Amino acid sequence: MIKTTPIKPNLPNFNQKAGVVLQQAWRSRPIYFLILPTFALILIFNYIPILLGFYYSFTRYDGMHAFWIGLENYRRIFLDPALIQSYKNMAIILPFSLTVGITMPLFVAYLIYHLRNSNLRYWFRVLFTVPMVVPTVVSLLIWIFMYTPSGGVNSILNALGLHHLTLTPDGQVRAWLGDPNTALAGVLFTGFPWVAPVNMLIFLAGLEAISSELIDAARVDGAQGWKMFWTIELPLIMGQIRLIAVTSTIGVMQGFQNILIMTGGGPGYATMVPAMRMYDTVMVSAGGMGGMQMGFGSAIGVFLFVIIMVITLINLRVIRSAEPMM
């Protein structure tokens, strides 16, 4: 009878590999020691609060005492009138912000990129970048004044002969941010013509990175104007479009400083957004119930995180699927 011995698979020596990794880490220990304080601070001030927020979302927490209530806070998310209205408002704000946040900076970058004079290109780039130094609060206060009954919006409409637009149905002079019918439109129009300097610079850098040889070859093949933009330039800056789409989605869903300063979410809930409702719930006595509802606010934050993640993934998939078509 022939004895056979089982063939042992040639498994890697994990102990040996682990030893090599540890030796390399030990040789690089000064670098790890240098980044250790930064990592510790990120862990303490970023990741631990995230985990605590997730835990408190299942509790009734007033900042002092926490009582486990399970999914009650998440049930309230779908019943709270302010949150329900904030979802509707966000369904308008997000597509609008993405549209103007991509098209307007791209349009300006395209015009600057095609200027033949390099000095003009430089100075236009500077002029569109200078507004970055103006504090956001200052520009928002200017817009608030523009929307007052005696502000610039009503004055411009009167000068254009559109006096009827400056009046409410009961004949009063319209305060644009104080009218539930126009407050959200006023918030959206803020920042016109919506040329975000950072987005414009990103697009301009992407256009300038296109190889001149490729552009010359496309011209030889007859590509000019719109055809050049659609077939050559736009596909080559899809990476920049994807970056701005993702960052803009996150910024719009998380942001509420404009609404906090301009309307506070009002009048009523006309300009309420989820992040603003979360702020009100945590920092203000919400719903007349008294005290801070930090558990409910944490649940809103967790739910907002999930929504932002889903929308971001959808954005990436849509943009990626559109690339071959271009």
Protein backbone atom coordinates (compact mmCIF):
# COMPACT_ATOMS: atom_id res chain seq x y z
CA MET A 1 0.00 0.00 0.00
CA ILE A 2 1.44 3.34 -1.05
CA LYS A 3 1.42 5.93 1.65
CA THR A 4 0.62 9.44 0.53
CA THR A 5 1.35 12.53 2.46
CA PRO A 6 -1.00 15.47 2.14
CA ILE A 7 0.44 18.40 0.26
CA LYS A 8 0.57 21.42 2.53
CA PRO A 9 -0.28 24.66 0.82
CA ASN A 10 2.57 27.10 0.62
CA LEU A 11 1.13 29.58 3.09
CA PRO A 12 2.96 32.84 3.60
CA ASN A 13 4.81 33.22 6.86
CA PHE A 14 2.58 35.81 8.47
CA ASN A 15 4.75 35.98 11.58
CA GLN A 16 7.75 36.85 9.45
CA LYS A 17 5.83 39.48 7.49
CA ALA A 18 4.47 40.98 10.70
CA GLY A 19 7.99 41.12 12.06
CA VAL A 20 9.19 42.98 8.98
CA VAL A 21 6.33 45.48 9.29
CA LEU A 22 7.09 46.05 12.94
CA GLN A 23 10.78 46.55 12.19
CA GLN A 24 9.94 49.12 9.53
CA ALA A 25 7.56 50.88 11.92
CA TRP A 26 10.21 50.91 14.62
CA ARG A 27 12.74 52.49 12.24
CA SER A 28 10.18 55.16 11.38
CA ARG A 29 9.15 55.74 15.00
CA PRO A 30 10.13 59.45 15.01
CA ILE A 31 7.59 60.09 12.23
CA TYR A 32 4.85 58.18 14.07
CA PHE A 33 5.61 60.10 17.25
CA LEU A 34 5.26 63.36 15.34
CA ILE A 35 1.84 62.48 13.90
CA LEU A 36 0.59 60.89 17.14
CA PRO A 37 -0.60 64.21 18.73
CA THR A 38 -2.50 65.13 15.57
CA PHE A 39 -4.12 61.71 15.38
CA ALA A 40 -5.02 61.89 19.09
CA LEU A 41 -6.67 65.30 18.63
CA ILE A 42 -8.62 64.06 15.58
CA LEU A 43 -9.75 61.03 17.57
CA ILE A 44 -10.83 63.10 20.57
CA PHE A 45 -12.53 65.99 18.77
CA ASN A 46 -13.83 64.26 15.61
CA TYR A 47 -14.40 60.54 15.92
CA ILE A 48 -15.42 60.28 19.58
CA PRO A 49 -18.11 63.03 19.21
CA ILE A 50 -19.44 61.18 16.14
CA LEU A 51 -19.79 57.97 18.12
CA LEU A 52 -21.34 59.81 21.07
CA GLY A 53 -23.79 61.56 18.73
CA PHE A 54 -24.84 58.21 17.31
CA TYR A 55 -25.39 56.87 20.85
CA TYR A 56 -27.30 59.94 22.04
CA SER A 57 -29.59 59.72 19.00
CA PHE A 58 -31.23 56.78 20.77
CA THR A 59 -31.73 58.71 24.02
CA ARG A 60 -33.65 61.62 25.47
CA TYR A 61 -30.68 63.82 26.33
CA ASP A 62 -30.85 67.37 27.67
CA GLY A 63 -27.12 67.88 28.09
CA MET A 64 -27.11 66.52 31.63
CA HIS A 65 -29.08 63.28 31.71
CA ALA A 66 -29.62 60.68 29.03
CA PHE A 67 -32.48 58.15 29.02
CA TRP A 68 -32.64 55.34 26.47
CA ILE A 69 -35.75 55.63 24.29
CA GLY A 70 -34.77 53.48 21.30
CA LEU A 71 -35.98 54.66 17.88
CA GLU A 72 -38.35 57.33 19.21
CA ASN A 73 -36.15 60.21 17.97
CA TYR A 74 -35.96 58.69 14.49
CA ARG A 75 -39.74 58.30 14.43
CA ARG A 76 -40.05 62.02 15.24
CA ILE A 77 -37.88 62.85 12.22
CA PHE A 78 -40.77 61.88 9.95
CA LEU A 79 -43.43 63.59 12.06
CA ASP A 80 -41.86 66.95 12.95
CA PRO A 81 -43.59 69.70 10.87
CA ALA A 82 -40.46 71.83 10.67
CA LEU A 83 -38.39 68.93 9.41
CA ILE A 84 -41.01 67.90 6.86
CA GLN A 85 -40.99 71.43 5.44
CA SER A 86 -37.19 71.49 5.55
CA TYR A 87 -37.07 68.37 3.33
CA LYS A 88 -39.29 70.13 0.78
CA ASN A 89 -37.12 73.24 0.89
CA MET A 90 -33.94 71.21 0.49
CA ALA A 91 -35.45 69.44 -2.54
CA ILE A 92 -35.50 72.91 -4.16
CA ILE A 93 -32.26 74.32 -2.74
CA LEU A 94 -29.96 71.39 -3.57
CA PRO A 95 -30.67 71.05 -7.34
CA PHE A 96 -30.61 74.83 -7.75
CA SER A 97 -27.32 75.21 -5.86
CA LEU A 98 -25.68 72.38 -7.79
CA THR A 99 -26.83 73.81 -11.11
CA VAL A 100 -25.65 77.38 -10.56
CA GLY A 101 -22.62 76.25 -8.53
CA ILE A 102 -21.30 74.32 -11.53
CA THR A 103 -22.58 76.15 -14.62
CA MET A 104 -21.85 79.76 -13.66
CA PRO A 105 -18.23 79.28 -12.47
CA LEU A 106 -17.59 77.00 -15.47
CA PHE A 107 -18.99 79.64 -17.84
CA VAL A 108 -16.75 82.36 -16.38
CA ALA A 109 -13.71 80.06 -16.36
CA TYR A 110 -14.38 79.18 -19.99
CA LEU A 111 -14.50 82.86 -20.99
CA ILE A 112 -11.29 83.68 -19.09
CA TYR A 113 -9.53 80.62 -20.52
CA HIS A 114 -10.27 81.74 -24.08
CA LEU A 115 -8.96 85.29 -23.61
CA ARG A 116 -6.00 85.71 -25.96
CA ASN A 117 -4.26 88.39 -23.90
CA SER A 118 -2.46 86.80 -20.93
CA ASN A 119 -2.55 90.07 -18.94
CA LEU A 120 -6.32 90.33 -19.33
CA ARG A 121 -6.65 86.70 -18.31
CA TYR A 122 -4.63 87.38 -15.15
CA TRP A 123 -6.56 90.50 -14.15
CA PHE A 124 -9.98 88.95 -14.74
CA ARG A 125 -8.90 85.99 -12.63
CA VAL A 126 -7.87 88.40 -9.86
CA LEU A 127 -11.09 90.41 -10.09
CA PHE A 128 -13.26 87.31 -9.71
CA THR A 129 -11.12 86.11 -6.79
CA VAL A 130 -11.02 89.35 -4.76
CA PRO A 131 -14.58 88.88 -3.33
CA MET A 132 -13.21 85.93 -1.34
CA VAL A 133 -11.64 88.39 1.12
CA VAL A 134 -15.04 89.90 1.99
CA PRO A 135 -16.46 88.20 5.11
CA THR A 136 -19.58 86.18 4.37
CA VAL A 137 -21.52 87.96 7.12
CA VAL A 138 -20.84 91.34 5.52
CA SER A 139 -22.13 90.25 2.11
CA LEU A 140 -25.20 88.66 3.71
CA LEU A 141 -25.99 91.86 5.60
CA ILE A 142 -25.83 93.75 2.31
CA TRP A 143 -28.28 91.30 0.75
CA ILE A 144 -30.59 91.59 3.76
CA PHE A 145 -30.71 95.34 3.21
CA MET A 146 -31.36 94.76 -0.51
CA TYR A 147 -34.48 92.76 0.39
CA THR A 148 -35.97 95.33 2.79
CA PRO A 149 -39.02 97.37 1.65
CA SER A 150 -36.76 100.36 0.94
CA GLY A 151 -33.88 98.25 -0.37
CA GLY A 152 -32.31 97.77 -3.75
CA VAL A 153 -34.59 95.02 -5.08
CA ASN A 154 -37.76 97.11 -4.83
CA SER A 155 -35.93 100.17 -6.15
CA ILE A 156 -34.71 98.26 -9.23
CA LEU A 157 -38.16 96.82 -9.90
CA ASN A 158 -39.75 100.27 -9.62
CA ALA A 159 -37.15 101.69 -12.01
CA LEU A 160 -38.01 98.92 -14.51
CA GLY A 161 -41.72 99.71 -14.27
CA LEU A 162 -42.54 96.52 -12.35
CA HIS A 163 -44.13 98.31 -9.44
CA HIS A 164 -46.75 95.59 -8.94
CA LEU A 165 -44.03 93.09 -7.96
CA THR A 166 -43.00 95.28 -5.03
CA LEU A 167 -46.44 95.03 -3.41
CA THR A 168 -48.05 92.21 -1.45
CA PRO A 169 -51.64 91.12 -2.25
CA ASP A 170 -52.92 93.44 0.50
CA GLY A 171 -51.10 96.44 -0.97
CA GLN A 172 -48.18 96.63 1.46
CA VAL A 173 -44.62 97.21 0.27
CA ARG A 174 -43.02 93.81 0.00
CA ALA A 175 -40.29 92.77 2.43
CA TRP A 176 -38.88 89.90 0.42
CA LEU A 177 -37.43 87.91 3.31
CA GLY A 178 -40.52 88.53 5.45
CA ASP A 179 -42.99 87.15 2.93
CA PRO A 180 -43.43 83.33 3.08
CA ASN A 181 -44.08 83.32 -0.67
CA THR A 182 -40.79 84.98 -1.60
CA ALA A 183 -38.40 84.26 1.29
CA LEU A 184 -36.98 81.04 -0.16
CA ALA A 185 -36.54 82.64 -3.59
CA GLY A 186 -34.73 85.52 -1.90
CA VAL A 187 -32.34 83.14 -0.18
CA LEU A 188 -31.67 81.33 -3.46
CA PHE A 189 -31.04 84.57 -5.36
CA THR A 190 -28.48 85.69 -2.77
CA GLY A 191 -25.00 85.72 -4.24
CA PHE A 192 -26.09 86.43 -7.82
CA PRO A 193 -24.46 85.78 -10.30
CA TRP A 194 -23.30 82.81 -8.22
CA VAL A 195 -19.69 82.76 -9.47
CA ALA A 196 -17.96 81.02 -6.56
CA PRO A 197 -14.27 82.03 -6.81
CA VAL A 198 -12.91 78.66 -5.67
CA ASN A 199 -15.07 76.72 -8.14
CA MET A 200 -14.09 79.09 -10.93
CA LEU A 201 -10.38 78.65 -10.17
CA ILE A 202 -10.75 74.87 -10.10
CA PHE A 203 -12.43 74.88 -13.51
CA LEU A 204 -9.88 77.34 -14.91
CA ALA A 205 -7.00 75.19 -13.67
CA GLY A 206 -8.61 72.14 -15.30
CA LEU A 207 -9.01 73.94 -18.63
CA GLU A 208 -5.45 75.27 -18.56
CA ALA A 209 -4.15 71.76 -17.90
CA ILE A 210 -5.51 70.52 -21.24
CA SER A 211 -2.67 69.77 -23.62
CA SER A 212 -2.22 72.43 -26.31
CA GLU A 213 -1.26 69.66 -28.77
CA LEU A 214 -4.66 68.04 -28.22
CA ILE A 215 -6.44 71.36 -28.80
CA ASP A 216 -4.45 71.98 -31.99
CA ALA A 217 -5.22 68.48 -33.26
CA ALA A 218 -8.92 69.02 -32.58
CA ARG A 219 -8.85 72.30 -34.50
CA VAL A 220 -7.24 70.54 -37.44
CA ASP A 221 -10.13 68.05 -37.36
CA GLY A 222 -12.58 70.95 -37.52
CA ALA A 223 -13.58 71.27 -33.85
CA GLN A 224 -14.46 74.87 -32.99
CA GLY A 225 -16.60 76.67 -30.42
CA TRP A 226 -19.35 74.51 -28.97
CA LYS A 227 -18.07 71.35 -30.64
CA MET A 228 -14.62 71.87 -29.12
CA PHE A 229 -16.12 72.44 -25.68
CA TRP A 230 -18.52 69.49 -25.82
CA THR A 231 -16.18 66.88 -27.32
CA ILE A 232 -12.76 67.90 -25.97
CA GLU A 233 -12.77 70.38 -23.09
CA LEU A 234 -15.79 69.24 -21.09
CA PRO A 235 -14.83 65.52 -20.94
CA LEU A 236 -11.33 66.48 -19.77
CA ILE A 237 -12.63 68.46 -16.80
CA MET A 238 -15.12 65.87 -15.57
CA GLY A 239 -12.83 65.25 -12.60
CA GLN A 240 -13.25 68.88 -11.55
CA ILE A 241 -17.01 68.69 -12.08
CA ARG A 242 -17.18 65.56 -9.93
CA LEU A 243 -15.16 67.25 -7.17
CA ILE A 244 -17.35 70.36 -7.14
CA ALA A 245 -20.57 68.32 -7.31
CA VAL A 246 -19.56 66.27 -4.27
CA THR A 247 -18.25 69.18 -2.19
CA SER A 248 -21.24 71.35 -3.11
CA THR A 249 -23.69 68.61 -2.16
CA ILE A 250 -22.06 68.18 1.23
CA GLY A 251 -21.81 71.94 1.77
CA VAL A 252 -25.43 72.65 0.85
CA MET A 253 -26.83 69.79 2.93
CA GLN A 254 -24.74 70.70 5.97
CA GLY A 255 -24.79 74.46 5.62
CA PHE A 256 -27.27 76.80 7.22
CA GLN A 257 -25.28 79.94 8.04
CA ASN A 258 -26.91 81.99 5.26
CA ILE A 259 -30.40 81.05 6.45
CA LEU A 260 -29.45 81.53 10.12
CA ILE A 261 -28.28 85.09 9.44
CA MET A 262 -30.92 86.09 6.89
CA THR A 263 -34.18 84.50 8.05
CA GLY A 264 -33.56 82.12 10.96
CA GLY A 265 -35.59 79.56 9.04
CA GLY A 266 -38.65 81.78 8.84
CA PRO A 267 -41.07 83.28 8.28
CA GLY A 268 -42.73 80.24 9.79
CA TYR A 269 -40.81 77.35 8.24
CA ALA A 270 -40.59 78.90 4.76
CA THR A 271 -36.78 78.74 4.63
CA MET A 272 -36.13 75.95 7.15
CA VAL A 273 -33.50 73.35 6.22
CA PRO A 274 -32.57 70.15 8.11
CA ALA A 275 -29.29 71.51 9.49
CA MET A 276 -31.06 74.64 10.72
CA ARG A 277 -33.69 72.51 12.45
CA MET A 278 -30.93 70.48 14.08
CA TYR A 279 -29.35 73.71 15.35
CA ASP A 280 -32.66 74.98 16.72
CA THR A 281 -33.35 71.66 18.42
CA VAL A 282 -29.98 71.53 20.15
CA MET A 283 -29.30 75.21 20.86
CA VAL A 284 -32.79 76.61 21.36
CA SER A 285 -35.83 75.48 23.30
CA ALA A 286 -37.53 73.53 20.54
CA GLY A 287 -41.25 73.25 19.94
CA GLY A 288 -42.12 75.03 23.16
CA MET A 289 -41.15 71.92 25.12
CA GLY A 290 -38.37 73.69 27.02
CA GLY A 291 -34.76 72.69 27.30
CA MET A 292 -32.34 71.42 24.71
CA GLN A 293 -33.33 68.26 22.88
CA MET A 294 -29.84 67.01 22.10
CA GLY A 295 -30.99 63.44 21.54
CA PHE A 296 -33.42 64.53 18.84
CA GLY A 297 -30.77 66.83 17.36
CA SER A 298 -28.30 63.93 17.27
CA ALA A 299 -30.86 61.79 15.43
CA ILE A 300 -31.32 64.56 12.85
CA GLY A 301 -27.54 64.70 12.43
CA VAL A 302 -27.25 60.94 11.90
CA PHE A 303 -30.15 60.95 9.44
CA LEU A 304 -28.59 63.91 7.60
CA PHE A 305 -25.29 62.02 7.38
CA VAL A 306 -27.03 59.05 5.74
CA ILE A 307 -28.88 61.29 3.27
CA ILE A 308 -25.69 63.16 2.33
CA MET A 309 -23.87 59.87 1.79
CA VAL A 310 -26.63 58.50 -0.45
CA ILE A 311 -26.92 61.67 -2.55
CA THR A 312 -23.13 61.90 -2.89
CA LEU A 313 -22.93 58.31 -4.16
CA ILE A 314 -25.75 58.99 -6.62
CA ASN A 315 -23.92 62.10 -7.87
CA LEU A 316 -20.72 60.13 -8.41
CA ARG A 317 -22.56 57.35 -10.24
CA VAL A 318 -24.45 59.76 -12.50
CA ILE A 319 -21.31 61.73 -13.40
CA ARG A 320 -19.28 58.57 -13.97
CA SER A 321 -21.97 57.08 -16.22
CA ALA A 322 -22.10 60.30 -18.22
CA GLU A 323 -18.37 60.33 -19.01
CA PRO A 324 -18.39 57.73 -21.84
CA MET A 325 -21.30 59.54 -23.52
CA MET A 326 -19.12 62.60 -23.90
